[in-house]
């Protein structure tokens, strides 16, 4: 009986949370969406797209354009 009571006490907050969120979603008053929570790291900021490849491509294009403008023999 003690194990059943302990299990009931431990699982009741989860059951209450699931029930309340189901009721709120059913009545369209659930205001929390997953897109509100961005993935981030401590002292690292958000995990946005890595712009290194874009920067490298841009620098390679600048190098190519400078090389084409050089006079012959330099």
PDB file of N, CA and C in Angstrom:
ATOM      1  N   UNK A   1       0.822  -1.193   0.000  1.00  0.00           N
ATOM      2  CA  UNK A   1       0.000   0.000   0.000  1.00  0.00           C
ATOM      3  C   UNK A   1       0.871   1.263   0.000  1.00  0.00           C
ATOM      4  N   UNK A   2       1.997   1.188   0.677  1.00  0.00           N
ATOM      5  CA  UNK A   2       2.882   2.347   0.750  1.00  0.00           C
ATOM      6  C   UNK A   2       3.509   2.634  -0.610  1.00  0.00           C
ATOM      7  N   UNK A   3       3.812   1.579  -1.354  1.00  0.00           N
ATOM      8  CA  UNK A   3       4.395   1.770  -2.686  1.00  0.00           C
ATOM      9  C   UNK A   3       3.375   2.420  -3.615  1.00  0.00           C
ATOM     10  N   UNK A   4       2.124   1.997  -3.515  1.00  0.00           N
ATOM     11  CA  UNK A   4       1.070   2.591  -4.338  1.00  0.00           C
ATOM     12  C   UNK A   4       0.886   4.068  -3.998  1.00  0.00           C
ATOM     13  N   UNK A   5       0.901   4.405  -2.719  1.00  0.00           N
ATOM     14  CA  UNK A   5       0.747   5.801  -2.301  1.00  0.00           C
ATOM     15  C   UNK A   5       1.933   6.643  -2.768  1.00  0.00           C
ATOM     16  N   UNK A   6       3.133   6.100  -2.658  1.00  0.00           N
ATOM     17  CA  UNK A   6       4.317   6.837  -3.098  1.00  0.00           C
ATOM     18  C   UNK A   6       4.285   7.050  -4.612  1.00  0.00           C
ATOM     19  N   UNK A   7       3.874   6.027  -5.349  1.00  0.00           N
ATOM     20  CA  UNK A   7       3.763   6.159  -6.807  1.00  0.00           C
ATOM     21  C   UNK A   7       2.721   7.198  -7.171  1.00  0.00           C
ATOM     22  N   UNK A   8       1.603   7.188  -6.484  1.00  0.00           N
ATOM     23  CA  UNK A   8       0.541   8.158  -6.734  1.00  0.00           C
ATOM     24  C   UNK A   8       1.007   9.578  -6.439  1.00  0.00           C
ATOM     25  N   UNK A   9       1.733   9.755  -5.362  1.00  0.00           N
ATOM     26  CA  UNK A   9       2.244  11.080  -5.003  1.00  0.00           C
ATOM     27  C   UNK A   9       3.270  11.557  -6.026  1.00  0.00           C
ATOM     28  N   UNK A  10       4.121  10.666  -6.507  1.00  0.00           N
ATOM     29  CA  UNK A  10       5.151  11.059  -7.460  1.00  0.00           C
ATOM     30  C   UNK A  10       4.599  11.331  -8.857  1.00  0.00           C
ATOM     31  N   UNK A  11       3.567  10.623  -9.263  1.00  0.00           N
ATOM     32  CA  UNK A  11       3.036  10.769 -10.616  1.00  0.00           C
ATOM     33  C   UNK A  11       1.903  11.781 -10.730  1.00  0.00           C
ATOM     34  N   UNK A  12       1.301  12.176  -9.623  1.00  0.00           N
ATOM     35  CA  UNK A  12       0.158  13.097  -9.693  1.00  0.00           C
ATOM     36  C   UNK A  12       0.508  14.470 -10.278  1.00  0.00           C
ATOM     37  N   UNK A  13       1.670  15.075 -10.016  1.00  0.00           N
ATOM     38  CA  UNK A  13       1.962  16.362 -10.664  1.00  0.00           C
ATOM     39  C   UNK A  13       2.040  16.257 -12.186  1.00  0.00           C
ATOM     40  N   UNK A  14       2.585  15.152 -12.683  1.00  0.00           N
ATOM     41  CA  UNK A  14       2.658  14.970 -14.133  1.00  0.00           C
ATOM     42  C   UNK A  14       1.271  14.786 -14.734  1.00  0.00           C
ATOM     43  N   UNK A  15       0.430  14.020 -14.057  1.00  0.00           N
ATOM     44  CA  UNK A  15      -0.936  13.819 -14.540  1.00  0.00           C
ATOM     45  C   UNK A  15      -1.710  15.133 -14.524  1.00  0.00           C
ATOM     46  N   UNK A  16      -1.521  15.933 -13.498  1.00  0.00           N
ATOM     47  CA  UNK A  16      -2.191  17.231 -13.417  1.00  0.00           C
ATOM     48  C   UNK A  16      -1.713  18.156 -14.529  1.00  0.00           C
ATOM     49  N   UNK A  17      -0.425  18.172 -14.791  1.00  0.00           N
ATOM     50  CA  UNK A  17       0.123  19.014 -15.857  1.00  0.00           C
ATOM     51  C   UNK A  17      -0.415  18.599 -17.217  1.00  0.00           C
ATOM     52  N   UNK A  18      -0.438  17.317 -17.478  1.00  0.00           N
ATOM     53  CA  UNK A  18      -0.953  16.826 -18.758  1.00  0.00           C
ATOM     54  C   UNK A  18      -2.434  17.153 -18.903  1.00  0.00           C
ATOM     55  N   UNK A  19      -3.196  16.984 -17.850  1.00  0.00           N
ATOM     56  CA  UNK A  19      -4.629  17.277 -17.904  1.00  0.00           C
ATOM     57  C   UNK A  19      -4.885  18.758 -18.131  1.00  0.00           C
ATOM     58  N   UNK A  20      -4.188  19.619 -17.410  1.00  0.00           N
ATOM     59  CA  UNK A  20      -4.396  21.061 -17.574  1.00  0.00           C
ATOM     60  C   UNK A  20      -3.967  21.540 -18.954  1.00  0.00           C
ATOM     61  N   UNK A  21      -2.878  21.010 -19.471  1.00  0.00           N
ATOM     62  CA  UNK A  21      -2.453  21.427 -20.807  1.00  0.00           C
ATOM     63  C   UNK A  21      -3.420  20.917 -21.871  1.00  0.00           C
ATOM     64  N   UNK A  22      -3.981  19.729 -21.683  1.00  0.00           N
ATOM     65  CA  UNK A  22      -4.969  19.214 -22.627  1.00  0.00           C
ATOM     66  C   UNK A  22      -6.223  20.077 -22.626  1.00  0.00           C
ATOM     67  N   UNK A  23      -6.683  20.483 -21.440  1.00  0.00           N
ATOM     68  CA  UNK A  23      -7.864  21.348 -21.341  1.00  0.00           C
ATOM     69  C   UNK A  23      -7.584  22.709 -21.965  1.00  0.00           C
ATOM     70  N   UNK A  24      -6.423  23.273 -21.693  1.00  0.00           N
ATOM     71  CA  UNK A  24      -6.080  24.585 -22.249  1.00  0.00           C
ATOM     72  C   UNK A  24      -5.969  24.519 -23.769  1.00  0.00           C
ATOM     73  N   UNK A  25      -5.400  23.467 -24.285  1.00  0.00           N
ATOM     74  CA  UNK A  25      -5.278  23.320 -25.745  1.00  0.00           C
ATOM     75  C   UNK A  25      -6.650  23.107 -26.382  1.00  0.00           C
ATOM     76  N   UNK A  26      -7.510  22.406 -25.692  1.00  0.00           N
ATOM     77  CA  UNK A  26      -8.859  22.144 -26.210  1.00  0.00           C
ATOM     78  C   UNK A  26      -9.680  23.421 -26.293  1.00  0.00           C
ATOM     79  N   UNK A  27      -9.494  24.319 -25.332  1.00  0.00           N
ATOM     80  CA  UNK A  27     -10.231  25.588 -25.320  1.00  0.00           C
ATOM     81  C   UNK A  27      -9.454  26.707 -26.004  1.00  0.00           C
ATOM     82  N   UNK A  28      -8.334  26.365 -26.636  1.00  0.00           N
ATOM     83  CA  UNK A  28      -7.485  27.308 -27.380  1.00  0.00           C
ATOM     84  C   UNK A  28      -6.976  28.456 -26.505  1.00  0.00           C
ATOM     85  N   UNK A  29      -6.677  28.165 -25.265  1.00  0.00           N
ATOM     86  CA  UNK A  29      -6.084  29.159 -24.374  1.00  0.00           C
ATOM     87  C   UNK A  29      -4.648  28.800 -24.017  1.00  0.00           C
ATOM     88  N   UNK A  30      -4.115  27.795 -24.678  1.00  0.00           N
ATOM     89  CA  UNK A  30      -2.743  27.347 -24.429  1.00  0.00           C
ATOM     90  C   UNK A  30      -1.801  28.302 -25.143  1.00  0.00           C
ATOM     91  N   UNK A  31      -1.082  29.129 -24.406  1.00  0.00           N
ATOM     92  CA  UNK A  31      -0.280  30.198 -24.987  1.00  0.00           C
ATOM     93  C   UNK A  31       1.201  29.876 -25.076  1.00  0.00           C
ATOM     94  N   UNK A  32       1.577  28.683 -24.764  1.00  0.00           N
ATOM     95  CA  UNK A  32       2.981  28.311 -24.826  1.00  0.00           C
ATOM     96  C   UNK A  32       3.184  27.449 -26.066  1.00  0.00           C
ATOM     97  N   UNK A  33       4.106  27.872 -26.922  1.00  0.00           N
ATOM     98  CA  UNK A  33       4.416  27.131 -28.139  1.00  0.00           C
ATOM     99  C   UNK A  33       5.910  26.815 -28.137  1.00  0.00           C
ATOM    100  N   UNK A  34       6.282  25.763 -28.816  1.00  0.00           N
ATOM    101  CA  UNK A  34       7.687  25.349 -28.816  1.00  0.00           C
ATOM    102  C   UNK A  34       8.593  26.356 -29.495  1.00  0.00           C
ATOM    103  N   UNK A  35       8.069  27.154 -30.435  1.00  0.00           N
ATOM    104  CA  UNK A  35       8.923  28.125 -31.118  1.00  0.00           C
ATOM    105  C   UNK A  35       9.297  29.300 -30.223  1.00  0.00           C
ATOM    106  N   UNK A  36       8.723  29.380 -29.019  1.00  0.00           N
ATOM    107  CA  UNK A  36       9.112  30.429 -28.078  1.00  0.00           C
ATOM    108  C   UNK A  36      10.447  30.122 -27.409  1.00  0.00           C
ATOM    109  N   UNK A  37      10.850  28.877 -27.423  1.00  0.00           N
ATOM    110  CA  UNK A  37      12.047  28.452 -26.720  1.00  0.00           C
ATOM    111  C   UNK A  37      13.134  28.119 -27.732  1.00  0.00           C
ATOM    112  N   UNK A  38      14.085  29.019 -27.903  1.00  0.00           N
ATOM    113  CA  UNK A  38      15.185  28.789 -28.839  1.00  0.00           C
ATOM    114  C   UNK A  38      16.279  27.980 -28.161  1.00  0.00           C
ATOM    115  N   UNK A  39      16.950  27.173 -28.926  1.00  0.00           N
ATOM    116  CA  UNK A  39      18.040  26.356 -28.390  1.00  0.00           C
ATOM    117  C   UNK A  39      19.268  27.247 -28.237  1.00  0.00           C
ATOM    118  N   UNK A  40      19.844  27.266 -27.054  1.00  0.00           N
ATOM    119  CA  UNK A  40      21.014  28.105 -26.793  1.00  0.00           C
ATOM    120  C   UNK A  40      21.939  27.390 -25.816  1.00  0.00           C
ATOM    121  N   UNK A  41      23.150  27.870 -25.751  1.00  0.00           N
ATOM    122  CA  UNK A  41      24.133  27.321 -24.821  1.00  0.00           C
ATOM    123  C   UNK A  41      24.555  28.420 -23.856  1.00  0.00           C
ATOM    124  N   UNK A  42      24.922  28.057 -22.642  1.00  0.00           N
ATOM    125  CA  UNK A  42      25.389  29.071 -21.704  1.00  0.00           C
ATOM    126  C   UNK A  42      26.641  29.760 -22.230  1.00  0.00           C
ATOM    127  N   UNK A  43      26.650  31.046 -22.210  1.00  0.00           N
ATOM    128  CA  UNK A  43      27.753  31.890 -22.666  1.00  0.00           C
ATOM    129  C   UNK A  43      28.086  31.667 -24.142  1.00  0.00           C
ATOM    130  N   UNK A  44      27.201  31.017 -24.867  1.00  0.00           N
ATOM    131  CA  UNK A  44      27.463  30.755 -26.272  1.00  0.00           C
ATOM    132  C   UNK A  44      26.440  31.370 -27.197  1.00  0.00           C
ATOM    133  N   UNK A  45      25.345  31.822 -26.655  1.00  0.00           N
ATOM    134  CA  UNK A  45      24.307  32.401 -27.491  1.00  0.00           C
ATOM    135  C   UNK A  45      23.477  31.330 -28.174  1.00  0.00           C
ATOM    136  N   UNK A  46      22.680  31.759 -29.131  1.00  0.00           N
ATOM    137  CA  UNK A  46      21.826  30.813 -29.838  1.00  0.00           C
ATOM    138  C   UNK A  46      22.618  30.079 -30.908  1.00  0.00           C
ATOM    139  N   UNK A  47      22.134  28.931 -31.267  1.00  0.00           N
ATOM    140  CA  UNK A  47      22.773  28.135 -32.309  1.00  0.00           C
ATOM    141  C   UNK A  47      22.186  28.518 -33.657  1.00  0.00           C
ATOM    142  N   UNK A  48      22.653  29.601 -34.210  1.00  0.00           N
ATOM    143  CA  UNK A  48      22.191  30.044 -35.520  1.00  0.00           C
ATOM    144  C   UNK A  48      23.009  29.348 -36.606  1.00  0.00           C
ATOM    145  N   UNK A  49      22.662  29.624 -37.843  1.00  0.00           N
ATOM    146  CA  UNK A  49      23.415  29.036 -38.954  1.00  0.00           C
ATOM    147  C   UNK A  49      24.860  29.491 -38.901  1.00  0.00           C
ATOM    148  N   UNK A  50      25.740  28.595 -39.270  1.00  0.00           N
ATOM    149  CA  UNK A  50      27.161  28.914 -39.316  1.00  0.00           C
ATOM    150  C   UNK A  50      27.437  29.719 -40.578  1.00  0.00           C
ATOM    151  N   UNK A  51      27.977  30.911 -40.423  1.00  0.00           N
ATOM    152  CA  UNK A  51      28.211  31.782 -41.569  1.00  0.00           C
ATOM    153  C   UNK A  51      29.642  31.677 -42.104  1.00  0.00           C
ATOM    154  N   UNK A  52      30.423  30.770 -41.567  1.00  0.00           N
ATOM    155  CA  UNK A  52      31.800  30.619 -42.035  1.00  0.00           C
ATOM    156  C   UNK A  52      31.892  30.218 -43.506  1.00  0.00           C
ATOM    157  N   UNK A  53      31.132  29.237 -43.968  1.00  0.00           N
ATOM    158  CA  UNK A  53      31.225  28.886 -45.395  1.00  0.00           C
ATOM    159  C   UNK A  53      30.824  30.047 -46.312  1.00  0.00           C
ATOM    160  N   UNK A  54      29.823  30.815 -45.911  1.00  0.00           N
ATOM    161  CA  UNK A  54      29.414  31.975 -46.719  1.00  0.00           C
ATOM    162  C   UNK A  54      30.534  33.006 -46.773  1.00  0.00           C
ATOM    163  N   UNK A  55      31.176  33.236 -45.650  1.00  0.00           N
ATOM    164  CA  UNK A  55      32.280  34.197 -45.608  1.00  0.00           C
ATOM    165  C   UNK A  55      33.442  33.719 -46.469  1.00  0.00           C
ATOM    166  N   UNK A  56      33.747  32.437 -46.387  1.00  0.00           N
ATOM    167  CA  UNK A  56      34.844  31.895 -47.186  1.00  0.00           C
ATOM    168  C   UNK A  56      34.557  31.998 -48.679  1.00  0.00           C
ATOM    169  N   UNK A  57      33.330  31.709 -49.084  1.00  0.00           N
ATOM    170  CA  UNK A  57      32.979  31.834 -50.503  1.00  0.00           C
ATOM    171  C   UNK A  57      33.095  33.278 -50.976  1.00  0.00           C
ATOM    172  N   UNK A  58      32.659  34.211 -50.133  1.00  0.00           N
ATOM    173  CA  UNK A  58      32.750  35.628 -50.496  1.00  0.00           C
ATOM    174  C   UNK A  58      34.209  36.062 -50.625  1.00  0.00           C
ATOM    175  N   UNK A  59      35.065  35.615 -49.706  1.00  0.00           N
ATOM    176  CA  UNK A  59      36.481  35.967 -49.776  1.00  0.00           C
ATOM    177  C   UNK A  59      37.148  35.351 -51.004  1.00  0.00           C
ATOM    178  N   UNK A  60      36.773  34.129 -51.348  1.00  0.00           N
ATOM    179  CA  UNK A  60      37.326  33.509 -52.559  1.00  0.00           C
ATOM    180  C   UNK A  60      36.909  34.279 -53.805  1.00  0.00           C
ATOM    181  N   UNK A  61      35.691  34.769 -53.837  1.00  0.00           N
ATOM    182  CA  UNK A  61      35.225  35.559 -54.980  1.00  0.00           C
ATOM    183  C   UNK A  61      35.984  36.878 -55.070  1.00  0.00           C
ATOM    184  N   UNK A  62      36.271  37.497 -53.921  1.00  0.00           N
ATOM    185  CA  UNK A  62      37.053  38.737 -53.912  1.00  0.00           C
ATOM    186  C   UNK A  62      38.465  38.468 -54.427  1.00  0.00           C
ATOM    187  N   UNK A  63      39.072  37.371 -53.996  1.00  0.00           N
ATOM    188  CA  UNK A  63      40.423  37.027 -54.459  1.00  0.00           C
ATOM    189  C   UNK A  63      40.421  36.794 -55.963  1.00  0.00           C
ATOM    190  N   UNK A  64      39.425  36.073 -56.467  1.00  0.00           N
ATOM    191  CA  UNK A  64      39.342  35.830 -57.913  1.00  0.00           C
ATOM    192  C   UNK A  64      39.175  37.129 -58.685  1.00  0.00           C
ATOM    193  N   UNK A  65      38.314  38.019 -58.187  1.00  0.00           N
ATOM    194  CA  UNK A  65      38.074  39.272 -58.914  1.00  0.00           C
ATOM    195  C   UNK A  65      39.324  40.157 -58.882  1.00  0.00           C
ATOM    196  N   UNK A  66      40.082  40.155 -57.792  1.00  0.00           N
ATOM    197  CA  UNK A  66      41.317  40.942 -57.734  1.00  0.00           C
ATOM    198  C   UNK A  66      42.372  40.361 -58.663  1.00  0.00           C
ATOM    199  N   UNK A  67      42.428  39.051 -58.733  1.00  0.00           N
ATOM    200  CA  UNK A  67      43.418  38.402 -59.596  1.00  0.00           C
ATOM    201  C   UNK A  67      43.128  38.696 -61.072  1.00  0.00           C
ATOM    202  N   UNK A  68      41.871  38.767 -61.434  1.00  0.00           N
ATOM    203  CA  UNK A  68      41.521  39.037 -62.828  1.00  0.00           C
ATOM    204  C   UNK A  68      41.837  40.476 -63.225  1.00  0.00           C
ATOM    205  N   UNK A  69      41.856  41.397 -62.247  1.00  0.00           N
ATOM    206  CA  UNK A  69      42.102  42.804 -62.551  1.00  0.00           C
ATOM    207  C   UNK A  69      43.584  43.154 -62.595  1.00  0.00           C
ATOM    208  N   UNK A  70      44.450  42.245 -62.157  1.00  0.00           N
ATOM    209  CA  UNK A  70      45.882  42.546 -62.154  1.00  0.00           C
ATOM    210  C   UNK A  70      46.420  42.602 -63.587  1.00  0.00           C
ATOM    211  N   UNK A  71      47.314  43.550 -63.852  1.00  0.00           N
ATOM    212  CA  UNK A  71      47.924  43.573 -65.187  1.00  0.00           C
ATOM    213  C   UNK A  71      48.858  42.383 -65.360  1.00  0.00           C
ATOM    214  N   UNK A  72      49.058  41.929 -66.584  1.00  0.00           N
ATOM    215  CA  UNK A  72      49.934  40.773 -66.806  1.00  0.00           C
ATOM    216  C   UNK A  72      51.373  41.064 -66.376  1.00  0.00           C
ATOM    217  N   UNK A  73      52.019  40.075 -65.815  1.00  0.00           N
ATOM    218  CA  UNK A  73      53.415  40.196 -65.413  1.00  0.00           C
ATOM    219  C   UNK A  73      53.603  40.721 -64.007  1.00  0.00           C
ATOM    220  N   UNK A  74      52.564  40.881 -63.223  1.00  0.00           N
ATOM    221  CA  UNK A  74      52.737  41.363 -61.850  1.00  0.00           C
ATOM    222  C   UNK A  74      52.519  40.267 -60.863  1.00  0.00           C
TER     223      UNK A  74
END
